[in-house]
Each structure stands twice: as C-alpha cells, then as structure tokens.
Amino acid sequence: MNGSNHLQENDSQPQFLCPVCFRKLHSSIGFDIILRYERMLNFYRRAGFSPEAEWIAKRIWIISSG
C-alpha cells in the first residue's frame, strides 16, 4: 500500500493489493472476503474491465474451492 506522488506513478502500480497488504487490511477493518470479491467482480464486469474481472473470478474460485 505504497503511496504515489503523481498520476503516472499511480497508473503504474498494480491494480490489486498484494497478499500481505490484503491480510493487513482484512485484520484491521474486517470484511467478508468473498462478498468483497463478488462486489468487485460485478463492478469490473459492468465497467467492461474483462482482465480484472477474470482475475477476481479466479480468486473467488481459489478461495471457495480451498
């Protein structure tokens, strides 16, 4: 969860949190992981972000089948 100083730097950052940052966020504020991913998936599909939607769908599948 590193900051950025300008738009170009911000745009070059990964779209998703790394596993460590994701876990820190989850432990500090608490949320339903699957529900969060399902809502993100719906947003990405509606917005036409296919690669992002595919990544989220895979995450949901991995977490649900584990």
Protein backbone atom coordinates (compact mmCIF):
# COMPACT_ATOMS: atom_id res chain seq x y z
CA MET A 1 0.00 0.00 0.00
CA ASN A 2 2.66 2.42 -1.08
CA GLY A 3 1.62 5.93 -1.98
CA SER A 4 2.36 7.67 -5.24
CA ASN A 5 3.39 11.23 -5.99
CA HIS A 6 1.81 11.76 -9.40
CA LEU A 7 -0.69 10.21 -11.82
CA GLN A 8 1.90 8.40 -13.96
CA GLU A 9 3.36 6.72 -10.87
CA ASN A 10 -0.12 5.86 -9.66
CA ASP A 11 -1.09 4.33 -13.02
CA SER A 12 2.00 2.11 -12.99
CA GLN A 13 1.02 0.49 -9.66
CA PRO A 14 -0.64 -2.95 -9.59
CA GLN A 15 -4.43 -2.95 -9.62
CA PHE A 16 -4.78 -5.29 -6.64
CA LEU A 17 -3.30 -5.45 -3.16
CA CYS A 18 -0.51 -7.92 -2.51
CA PRO A 19 -1.45 -10.80 -0.16
CA VAL A 20 0.36 -9.20 2.79
CA CYS A 21 -1.39 -5.83 2.43
CA PHE A 22 -4.72 -7.56 1.83
CA ARG A 23 -4.35 -9.53 5.06
CA LYS A 24 -3.37 -6.39 6.99
CA LEU A 25 -6.43 -4.57 5.69
CA HIS A 26 -8.67 -7.52 6.49
CA SER A 27 -7.36 -7.88 10.03
CA SER A 28 -7.63 -4.17 10.78
CA ILE A 29 -11.12 -3.41 9.46
CA GLY A 30 -12.63 -6.87 8.92
CA PHE A 31 -14.85 -7.73 5.98
CA ASP A 32 -16.26 -10.75 4.19
CA ILE A 33 -13.57 -11.61 1.65
CA ILE A 34 -15.85 -13.48 -0.76
CA LEU A 35 -18.52 -10.77 -0.64
CA ARG A 36 -15.87 -8.10 -1.31
CA TYR A 37 -14.57 -10.02 -4.31
CA GLU A 38 -18.09 -10.68 -5.63
CA ARG A 39 -18.89 -6.96 -5.48
CA MET A 40 -15.62 -6.14 -7.22
CA LEU A 41 -16.39 -8.76 -9.88
CA ASN A 42 -19.80 -7.22 -10.54
CA PHE A 43 -18.26 -3.75 -10.84
CA TYR A 44 -15.50 -4.89 -13.21
CA ARG A 45 -17.98 -6.74 -15.42
CA ARG A 46 -20.35 -3.74 -15.60
CA ALA A 47 -17.44 -1.39 -16.33
CA GLY A 48 -16.07 -3.66 -19.06
CA PHE A 49 -12.80 -4.47 -17.30
CA SER A 50 -12.51 -8.06 -18.53
CA PRO A 51 -8.94 -8.90 -17.40
CA GLU A 52 -9.65 -7.59 -13.91
CA ALA A 53 -12.97 -9.46 -13.77
CA GLU A 54 -11.22 -12.67 -14.83
CA TRP A 55 -8.58 -12.24 -12.11
CA ILE A 56 -11.28 -11.68 -9.46
CA ALA A 57 -13.30 -14.68 -10.69
CA LYS A 58 -10.19 -16.87 -10.34
CA ARG A 59 -9.59 -15.56 -6.81
CA ILE A 60 -13.18 -16.39 -5.83
CA TRP A 61 -12.80 -19.88 -7.29
CA ILE A 62 -9.49 -20.50 -5.48
CA ILE A 63 -10.79 -19.29 -2.12
CA SER A 64 -14.12 -21.13 -2.44
CA SER A 65 -12.61 -24.44 -3.51
CA GLY A 66 -9.85 -24.40 -0.87
